[in-house]
């Protein structure tokens, strides 16, 4: 395993766990840890952003690229993730099983479409 792959894996796991734990802390009312959850989730996001910047530096690329394709792909990813999350909420929170599965499946298909958008088809 290359050093850059190991660093990316380590930072991704730590950032992902912190973000997920923070969201659980903030969104599960029984825990009573809304403020602490927001802080832990924000720290997770900072670690994940640092991971992206670190990985790009290790690949000798600019830290963050701002062009039309990158911005459009990011907005599309946010939209697809929101649709997927709405489907999950419909099933788990609002008790709308059938429509939640339909909306979640559409969100999953939208997320899968990110692969050819980012990597292209060969």
Protein backbone atom coordinates (compact mmCIF):
# COMPACT_ATOMS: atom_id res chain seq x y z
CA UNK A 1 0.00 0.00 0.00
CA UNK A 2 1.30 3.41 -0.93
CA UNK A 3 1.75 6.07 1.71
CA UNK A 4 -0.83 8.37 0.12
CA UNK A 5 -3.42 5.56 0.06
CA UNK A 6 -2.81 4.75 3.73
CA UNK A 7 -3.08 8.41 4.78
CA UNK A 8 -6.26 8.82 2.74
CA UNK A 9 -7.80 5.67 4.25
CA UNK A 10 -6.90 6.68 7.81
CA UNK A 11 -8.20 10.24 7.50
CA UNK A 12 -11.36 9.06 5.71
CA UNK A 13 -12.20 6.57 8.45
CA UNK A 14 -11.56 9.05 11.27
CA UNK A 15 -13.47 11.86 9.55
CA UNK A 16 -16.36 9.60 8.56
CA UNK A 17 -16.75 8.17 12.06
CA UNK A 18 -16.62 11.62 13.66
CA UNK A 19 -19.17 12.98 11.21
CA UNK A 20 -21.53 10.01 11.64
CA UNK A 21 -21.25 10.07 15.42
CA UNK A 22 -21.87 13.82 15.45
CA UNK A 23 -24.98 13.45 13.33
CA UNK A 24 -26.28 10.69 15.62
CA UNK A 25 -25.61 12.87 18.65
CA UNK A 26 -27.41 15.80 17.08
CA UNK A 27 -30.39 13.96 15.62
CA UNK A 28 -31.30 11.36 18.27
CA UNK A 29 -33.32 13.31 20.84
CA UNK A 30 -32.91 10.67 23.55
CA UNK A 31 -29.18 11.39 23.69
CA UNK A 32 -29.72 15.08 24.49
CA UNK A 33 -26.45 16.10 22.85
CA UNK A 34 -27.45 18.45 20.03
CA UNK A 35 -24.71 21.05 20.56
CA UNK A 36 -21.97 18.51 21.15
CA UNK A 37 -23.14 16.56 18.09
CA UNK A 38 -22.89 19.60 15.86
CA UNK A 39 -19.35 20.23 17.09
CA UNK A 40 -18.26 16.61 16.58
CA UNK A 41 -19.88 16.52 13.13
CA UNK A 42 -18.14 19.76 12.15
CA UNK A 43 -14.79 18.33 13.29
CA UNK A 44 -15.48 15.27 11.12
CA UNK A 45 -16.16 17.52 8.12
CA UNK A 46 -12.92 19.43 8.73
CA UNK A 47 -10.96 16.16 8.86
CA UNK A 48 -12.58 15.01 5.60
CA UNK A 49 -11.81 18.34 3.90
CA UNK A 50 -8.21 18.11 5.16
CA UNK A 51 -8.06 14.59 3.72
CA UNK A 52 -9.07 15.85 0.27
CA UNK A 53 -6.49 18.64 0.36
CA UNK A 54 -3.77 16.31 1.68
CA UNK A 55 -4.47 13.67 -0.96
CA UNK A 56 -4.34 16.21 -3.77
CA UNK A 57 -1.05 17.61 -2.45
CA UNK A 58 0.41 14.08 -2.30
CA UNK A 59 -0.63 13.60 -5.95
CA UNK A 60 1.12 16.89 -6.86
CA UNK A 61 -2.16 18.47 -7.91
CA UNK A 62 -3.65 21.79 -6.82
CA UNK A 63 -5.51 21.54 -3.51
CA UNK A 64 -8.97 22.42 -4.80
CA UNK A 65 -9.98 22.97 -8.41
CA UNK A 66 -12.70 25.50 -9.19
CA UNK A 67 -14.04 25.04 -12.69
CA UNK A 68 -17.48 24.57 -14.17
CA UNK A 69 -17.35 20.78 -14.21
CA UNK A 70 -16.18 20.51 -10.59
CA UNK A 71 -18.88 22.88 -9.35
CA UNK A 72 -21.64 21.18 -11.39
CA UNK A 73 -20.51 17.72 -10.23
CA UNK A 74 -20.49 18.87 -6.60
CA UNK A 75 -23.98 20.36 -6.87
CA UNK A 76 -25.24 17.19 -8.56
CA UNK A 77 -23.71 15.06 -5.77
CA UNK A 78 -25.38 17.21 -3.11
CA UNK A 79 -28.73 16.90 -4.90
CA UNK A 80 -28.41 13.11 -5.30
CA UNK A 81 -27.41 12.68 -1.66
CA UNK A 82 -30.36 14.80 -0.54
CA UNK A 83 -32.79 12.67 -2.57
CA UNK A 84 -31.28 9.49 -1.11
CA UNK A 85 -31.45 10.90 2.42
CA UNK A 86 -35.06 12.01 1.94
CA UNK A 87 -35.96 8.45 0.97
CA UNK A 88 -34.26 7.13 4.09
CA UNK A 89 -36.12 9.67 6.25
CA UNK A 90 -39.41 8.72 4.63
CA UNK A 91 -38.85 5.10 5.63
CA UNK A 92 -37.29 5.48 9.07
CA UNK A 93 -38.81 8.68 10.44
CA UNK A 94 -42.07 9.36 8.64
CA UNK A 95 -43.18 5.71 8.32
CA UNK A 96 -43.82 5.97 4.56
CA UNK A 97 -42.33 2.62 3.54
CA UNK A 98 -43.32 2.33 -0.13
CA UNK A 99 -42.65 5.91 -1.20
CA UNK A 100 -39.48 6.04 0.88
CA UNK A 101 -38.10 3.00 -0.91
CA UNK A 102 -39.01 4.53 -4.29
CA UNK A 103 -37.40 7.90 -3.47
CA UNK A 104 -34.35 6.22 -1.89
CA UNK A 105 -33.89 4.01 -4.95
CA UNK A 106 -34.05 7.04 -7.24
CA UNK A 107 -31.44 8.73 -5.04
CA UNK A 108 -29.24 5.64 -5.20
CA UNK A 109 -29.45 5.59 -9.00
CA UNK A 110 -28.58 9.30 -9.08
CA UNK A 111 -25.56 8.62 -6.86
CA UNK A 112 -24.44 5.75 -9.10
CA UNK A 113 -24.54 8.16 -12.04
CA UNK A 114 -21.71 10.08 -10.37
CA UNK A 115 -19.24 7.34 -11.38
CA UNK A 116 -19.47 7.97 -15.14
CA UNK A 117 -19.71 11.73 -14.53
CA UNK A 118 -16.44 11.75 -12.55
CA UNK A 119 -14.48 8.98 -14.28
CA UNK A 120 -16.09 8.91 -17.71
CA UNK A 121 -17.00 5.89 -19.79
CA UNK A 122 -14.30 4.00 -21.70
